[in-house]
Amino acid sequence: MAESGPGAAAPRDEAAEEPEGGGRRWGAQHAGARELAELYSPGKRIQEWISVILCFSLICFNFYNLLFYLRLEHTPSVLVGIFAGVITADFLSGLFHWGADTWGSVELPIVGKAFIRPFREHHIDPTAITRHDFIETNGDNCFMTLVPLANMAYKFVSFSPEALCETCPWECYVFALIIFITMTNQIHKWSHTYFGLPRWVVFLQDWHIILPRKHHRIHHVSPHETYFCITTGWLNYPLEKIRFWRCLENIIQGLTGEKPRADDMKWAQKIK
């Protein structure tokens, strides 16, 4: 992000801001955003550090072993597996994003402050994510991939070389899925960053290899009920056309009586 200073243009907030004296102010000064930001605890920070260190250590170990067992004849199936891994990651990013945006509450034990809180903060202060460092941005996603990464590492140290060579294409699919899940929130952060991005990131966004900035703006139109996939965004249009998320919401609301995004709206309406 460009630094502020005398004569520097202030970065434009993506969230709409009401005129002064006319009601709530969106962004970092919003009452709900300030309260949610204060819930980020030292314990949460430690969990994120541990998750990032373990995650990237396991990624390096598994990547080395995958290269060791790859064979030229695996090439077609590996390419298909990588593509399928990216698609799966995009769908899972949408499913998790939709679930955290739409249901639950910050007051829920354990998961509320740890996982739902960032989603509530993000809707009323969309640029807060651009002020988060690497650990805060990626800690939760690293945590979610620890079990599959550990399972893959266990296979590499316990299975026979013949079995590992045979299952290598499948493991490449799993590894691609893990990598893109791990990087999803970093990609999401880049989609909100309009200054100082590396050229290679802008290139990937412009060619829609990762989530583009203009594409993600659609989600940030209140009441934030569409375009939930935030890894590549490839699945957003087809899922919207078949009304996938709306159908799920209607089913859950019919079964439970819970209203979608009720907690999200509660935080958005806070004025003090």
Protein backbone atom coordinates (compact mmCIF):
# COMPACT_ATOMS: atom_id res chain seq x y z
CA MET A 1 0.00 0.00 0.00
CA ALA A 2 1.21 3.52 -0.71
CA GLU A 3 2.36 5.37 2.38
CA SER A 4 0.52 8.47 3.46
CA GLY A 5 2.29 11.77 3.85
CA PRO A 6 2.15 15.43 2.95
CA GLY A 7 0.85 15.81 -0.56
CA ALA A 8 0.12 12.07 -0.93
CA ALA A 9 -3.29 11.02 -2.16
CA ALA A 10 -5.24 9.10 0.47
CA PRO A 11 -6.12 5.52 -0.56
CA ARG A 12 -9.77 5.24 -1.49
CA ASP A 13 -11.79 2.94 0.75
CA GLU A 14 -13.78 0.32 -1.14
CA ALA A 15 -16.63 0.50 1.32
CA ALA A 16 -19.11 3.27 0.74
CA GLU A 17 -18.94 5.99 3.33
CA GLU A 18 -21.92 8.04 4.37
CA PRO A 19 -21.56 11.81 4.63
CA GLU A 20 -20.41 13.16 7.96
CA GLY A 21 -23.26 13.64 10.35
CA GLY A 22 -25.44 11.45 8.17
CA GLY A 23 -25.12 8.17 10.02
CA ARG A 24 -22.65 5.34 10.31
CA ARG A 25 -19.12 5.71 8.96
CA TRP A 26 -17.81 2.62 7.17
CA GLY A 27 -14.18 1.55 7.38
CA ALA A 28 -11.68 1.62 10.23
CA GLN A 29 -13.68 4.27 12.13
CA HIS A 30 -16.90 2.24 12.14
CA ALA A 31 -17.89 1.37 15.73
CA GLY A 32 -18.34 -2.31 14.93
CA ALA A 33 -15.01 -2.49 13.08
CA ARG A 34 -13.15 -0.99 16.05
CA GLU A 35 -14.78 -3.41 18.49
CA LEU A 36 -14.08 -6.43 16.30
CA ALA A 37 -10.45 -5.43 15.75
CA GLU A 38 -9.94 -5.25 19.52
CA LEU A 39 -10.99 -8.93 19.83
CA TYR A 40 -7.77 -10.03 18.09
CA SER A 41 -5.90 -11.56 21.04
CA PRO A 42 -2.29 -12.53 21.87
CA GLY A 43 -3.40 -16.16 22.08
CA LYS A 44 -4.81 -15.96 18.56
CA ARG A 45 -1.51 -14.48 17.37
CA ILE A 46 0.46 -17.39 18.85
CA GLN A 47 -1.86 -19.91 17.19
CA GLU A 48 -1.31 -18.19 13.84
CA TRP A 49 2.49 -18.19 14.20
CA ILE A 50 2.56 -21.91 15.07
CA SER A 51 0.19 -22.71 12.17
CA VAL A 52 2.27 -20.79 9.61
CA ILE A 53 5.57 -22.35 10.71
CA LEU A 54 4.19 -25.90 10.73
CA CYS A 55 2.30 -25.43 7.47
CA PHE A 56 5.22 -24.15 5.40
CA SER A 57 7.62 -26.71 6.92
CA LEU A 58 5.27 -29.51 5.85
CA ILE A 59 4.76 -27.93 2.42
CA CYS A 60 8.52 -27.93 1.80
CA PHE A 61 8.89 -31.55 2.99
CA ASN A 62 5.97 -32.80 0.87
CA PHE A 63 7.01 -30.85 -2.22
CA TYR A 64 10.51 -32.36 -2.12
CA ASN A 65 9.06 -35.87 -1.86
CA LEU A 66 6.53 -35.28 -4.65
CA LEU A 67 9.34 -34.24 -7.00
CA PHE A 68 11.29 -37.35 -6.03
CA TYR A 69 8.45 -39.71 -6.98
CA LEU A 70 7.22 -37.90 -10.10
CA ARG A 71 7.68 -39.69 -13.42
CA LEU A 72 7.37 -38.38 -16.98
CA GLU A 73 4.40 -40.67 -17.66
CA HIS A 74 2.54 -38.95 -14.83
CA THR A 75 2.46 -35.62 -16.71
CA PRO A 76 -1.12 -35.73 -18.16
CA SER A 77 -2.72 -36.93 -14.92
CA VAL A 78 -0.68 -34.48 -12.84
CA LEU A 79 -1.82 -31.53 -14.99
CA VAL A 80 -5.43 -32.66 -14.68
CA GLY A 81 -4.94 -33.10 -10.94
CA ILE A 82 -3.50 -29.62 -10.49
CA PHE A 83 -6.40 -28.06 -12.41
CA ALA A 84 -8.91 -30.08 -10.39
CA GLY A 85 -7.14 -29.01 -7.19
CA VAL A 86 -7.50 -25.34 -8.10
CA ILE A 87 -11.21 -25.78 -8.92
CA THR A 88 -11.81 -27.67 -5.69
CA ALA A 89 -9.99 -24.98 -3.68
CA ASP A 90 -12.10 -22.26 -5.29
CA PHE A 91 -15.31 -24.09 -4.40
CA LEU A 92 -14.19 -24.79 -0.83
CA SER A 93 -13.18 -21.14 -0.39
CA GLY A 94 -16.70 -20.17 -1.45
CA LEU A 95 -18.33 -22.73 0.82
CA PHE A 96 -16.34 -21.64 3.88
CA HIS A 97 -16.73 -17.94 3.04
CA TRP A 98 -20.48 -18.33 2.55
CA GLY A 99 -20.85 -20.26 5.80
CA ALA A 100 -18.88 -17.74 7.88
CA ASP A 101 -20.56 -14.74 6.23
CA THR A 102 -24.08 -16.10 6.46
CA TRP A 103 -24.37 -18.10 9.66
CA GLY A 104 -23.04 -18.14 13.19
CA SER A 105 -22.08 -15.38 15.58
CA VAL A 106 -18.97 -13.78 17.02
CA GLU A 107 -20.30 -14.85 20.43
CA LEU A 108 -20.01 -18.58 19.59
CA PRO A 109 -17.48 -20.41 21.79
CA ILE A 110 -14.00 -20.86 20.24
CA VAL A 111 -14.96 -20.44 16.56
CA GLY A 112 -16.74 -17.09 17.04
CA LYS A 113 -13.78 -14.88 17.89
CA ALA A 114 -11.23 -17.07 16.13
CA PHE A 115 -12.88 -17.57 12.73
CA ILE A 116 -16.15 -15.64 12.37
CA ARG A 117 -14.86 -12.33 13.77
CA PRO A 118 -12.58 -11.57 10.76
CA PHE A 119 -15.50 -11.99 8.35
CA ARG A 120 -17.67 -9.54 10.31
CA GLU A 121 -14.83 -7.01 10.46
CA HIS A 122 -14.10 -7.41 6.75
CA HIS A 123 -17.58 -6.36 5.60
CA ILE A 124 -17.59 -3.11 7.55
CA ASP A 125 -13.88 -2.39 7.04
CA PRO A 126 -12.91 -4.10 3.76
CA THR A 127 -9.43 -2.54 3.68
CA ALA A 128 -8.50 -3.81 7.17
CA ILE A 129 -7.11 -6.94 5.52
CA THR A 130 -4.56 -4.82 3.65
CA ARG A 131 -3.16 -3.66 7.00
CA HIS A 132 -2.68 -7.22 8.26
CA ASP A 133 0.79 -8.74 8.09
CA PHE A 134 1.57 -12.14 6.56
CA ILE A 135 0.93 -14.05 9.79
CA GLU A 136 -2.48 -12.54 10.54
CA THR A 137 -3.53 -12.80 6.90
CA ASN A 138 -2.62 -16.46 6.42
CA GLY A 139 -2.63 -18.03 9.90
CA ASP A 140 -6.15 -19.47 9.78
CA ASN A 141 -5.75 -20.98 6.31
CA CYS A 142 -2.43 -22.55 7.35
CA PHE A 143 -4.17 -24.03 10.39
CA MET A 144 -6.87 -25.62 8.22
CA THR A 145 -4.32 -27.40 5.99
CA LEU A 146 -2.20 -28.90 8.78
CA VAL A 147 -4.07 -32.22 8.99
CA PRO A 148 -3.95 -33.06 5.25
CA LEU A 149 -0.31 -31.91 5.08
CA ALA A 150 0.60 -34.10 8.05
CA ASN A 151 -1.26 -37.03 6.50
CA MET A 152 0.68 -36.61 3.26
CA ALA A 153 3.98 -36.43 5.15
CA TYR A 154 3.07 -39.62 7.03
CA LYS A 155 2.52 -41.43 3.72
CA PHE A 156 5.95 -40.35 2.46
CA VAL A 157 7.72 -41.78 5.50
CA SER A 158 5.68 -44.98 5.86
CA PHE A 159 4.52 -46.16 2.40
CA SER A 160 6.66 -48.18 0.02
CA PRO A 161 8.33 -46.41 -2.95
CA GLU A 162 6.18 -48.45 -5.36
CA ALA A 163 2.94 -47.34 -3.67
CA LEU A 164 4.06 -43.71 -3.57
CA CYS A 165 4.97 -43.74 -7.25
CA GLU A 166 1.55 -45.20 -8.11
CA THR A 167 -0.39 -42.64 -6.07
CA CYS A 168 1.75 -39.64 -7.07
CA PRO A 169 -0.86 -38.08 -9.43
CA TRP A 170 -3.48 -38.20 -6.66
CA GLU A 171 -1.05 -36.65 -4.20
CA CYS A 172 -0.35 -33.88 -6.74
CA TYR A 173 -4.09 -33.11 -6.79
CA VAL A 174 -4.17 -33.00 -2.98
CA PHE A 175 -1.02 -30.88 -2.86
CA ALA A 176 -2.38 -28.34 -5.39
CA LEU A 177 -5.61 -28.18 -3.39
CA ILE A 178 -3.66 -27.55 -0.19
CA ILE A 179 -1.43 -24.87 -1.75
CA PHE A 180 -4.36 -22.88 -3.12
CA ILE A 181 -6.33 -23.18 0.12
CA THR A 182 -3.25 -22.01 2.03
CA MET A 183 -2.86 -18.99 -0.26
CA THR A 184 -6.55 -18.11 -0.54
CA ASN A 185 -6.56 -15.32 2.04
CA GLN A 186 -3.34 -13.86 0.62
CA ILE A 187 -5.01 -13.83 -2.80
CA HIS A 188 -8.06 -12.26 -1.15
CA LYS A 189 -5.85 -9.57 0.41
CA TRP A 190 -4.34 -8.79 -3.00
CA SER A 191 -7.86 -8.33 -4.41
CA HIS A 192 -8.33 -5.45 -1.95
CA THR A 193 -4.89 -3.90 -2.53
CA TYR A 194 -4.83 -1.17 -5.16
CA PHE A 195 -1.35 0.22 -4.61
CA GLY A 196 2.10 -1.35 -4.64
CA LEU A 197 1.23 -4.85 -5.82
CA PRO A 198 4.06 -6.77 -7.55
CA ARG A 199 3.68 -6.86 -11.32
CA TRP A 200 3.40 -10.65 -11.35
CA VAL A 201 0.41 -10.48 -8.99
CA VAL A 202 -1.31 -7.88 -11.20
CA PHE A 203 -0.58 -10.11 -14.22
CA LEU A 204 -2.23 -13.11 -12.53
CA GLN A 205 -5.22 -10.96 -11.59
CA ASP A 206 -5.58 -9.44 -15.06
CA TRP A 207 -5.57 -12.90 -16.64
CA HIS A 208 -8.00 -14.19 -13.96
CA ILE A 209 -5.59 -16.89 -12.82
CA ILE A 210 -6.22 -15.64 -9.28
CA LEU A 211 -9.11 -13.53 -7.93
CA PRO A 212 -9.20 -10.17 -9.79
CA ARG A 213 -9.86 -6.93 -7.94
CA LYS A 214 -12.85 -5.81 -10.04
CA HIS A 215 -14.39 -9.27 -9.87
CA HIS A 216 -14.33 -9.34 -6.05
CA ARG A 217 -16.01 -5.93 -5.76
CA ILE A 218 -19.30 -7.64 -6.68
CA HIS A 219 -19.29 -9.48 -3.36
CA HIS A 220 -18.84 -6.26 -1.41
CA VAL A 221 -22.15 -4.80 -2.49
CA SER A 222 -24.42 -5.04 0.57
CA PRO A 223 -25.90 -7.43 1.70
CA HIS A 224 -22.87 -9.52 0.56
CA GLU A 225 -24.96 -12.42 -0.72
CA THR A 226 -23.11 -13.50 -3.87
CA TYR A 227 -19.67 -14.24 -5.42
CA PHE A 228 -18.26 -16.02 -2.36
CA CYS A 229 -15.44 -17.93 -4.10
CA ILE A 230 -12.20 -16.04 -3.42
CA THR A 231 -9.33 -18.23 -4.64
CA THR A 232 -9.69 -17.78 -8.39
CA GLY A 233 -13.34 -16.73 -8.58
CA TRP A 234 -13.85 -19.07 -11.55
CA LEU A 235 -16.92 -20.69 -10.00
CA ASN A 236 -18.72 -17.50 -8.96
CA TYR A 237 -20.64 -16.93 -12.19
CA PRO A 238 -21.88 -20.53 -12.69
CA LEU A 239 -22.85 -20.89 -9.02
CA GLU A 240 -24.72 -17.59 -9.19
CA LYS A 241 -26.55 -18.64 -12.37
CA ILE A 242 -27.90 -21.81 -10.71
CA ARG A 243 -28.67 -19.84 -7.49
CA PHE A 244 -26.57 -22.32 -5.52
CA TRP A 245 -26.06 -20.23 -2.38
CA ARG A 246 -29.63 -18.93 -2.31
CA CYS A 247 -30.97 -22.49 -2.51
CA LEU A 248 -28.76 -23.58 0.40
CA GLU A 249 -29.89 -20.59 2.44
CA ASN A 250 -33.56 -21.32 1.77
CA ILE A 251 -33.12 -24.94 2.86
CA ILE A 252 -31.28 -24.03 6.07
CA GLN A 253 -33.66 -21.21 6.92
CA GLY A 254 -36.62 -23.53 6.34
CA LEU A 255 -35.14 -26.19 8.64
CA THR A 256 -33.84 -23.96 11.42
CA GLY A 257 -35.73 -20.67 11.17
CA GLU A 258 -32.41 -18.79 11.27
CA LYS A 259 -32.17 -15.74 9.03
CA PRO A 260 -29.13 -15.52 6.74
CA ARG A 261 -26.56 -12.82 7.61
CA ALA A 262 -28.45 -11.69 10.73
CA ASP A 263 -25.25 -11.42 12.79
CA ASP A 264 -23.46 -9.70 9.91
CA MET A 265 -26.16 -7.04 9.75
CA LYS A 266 -26.06 -6.59 13.54
CA TRP A 267 -22.40 -5.61 13.43
CA ALA A 268 -22.89 -3.40 10.38
CA GLN A 269 -25.58 -1.43 12.23
CA LYS A 270 -23.49 -0.69 15.32
CA ILE A 271 -23.07 3.04 15.91
CA LYS A 272 -21.25 3.02 19.26
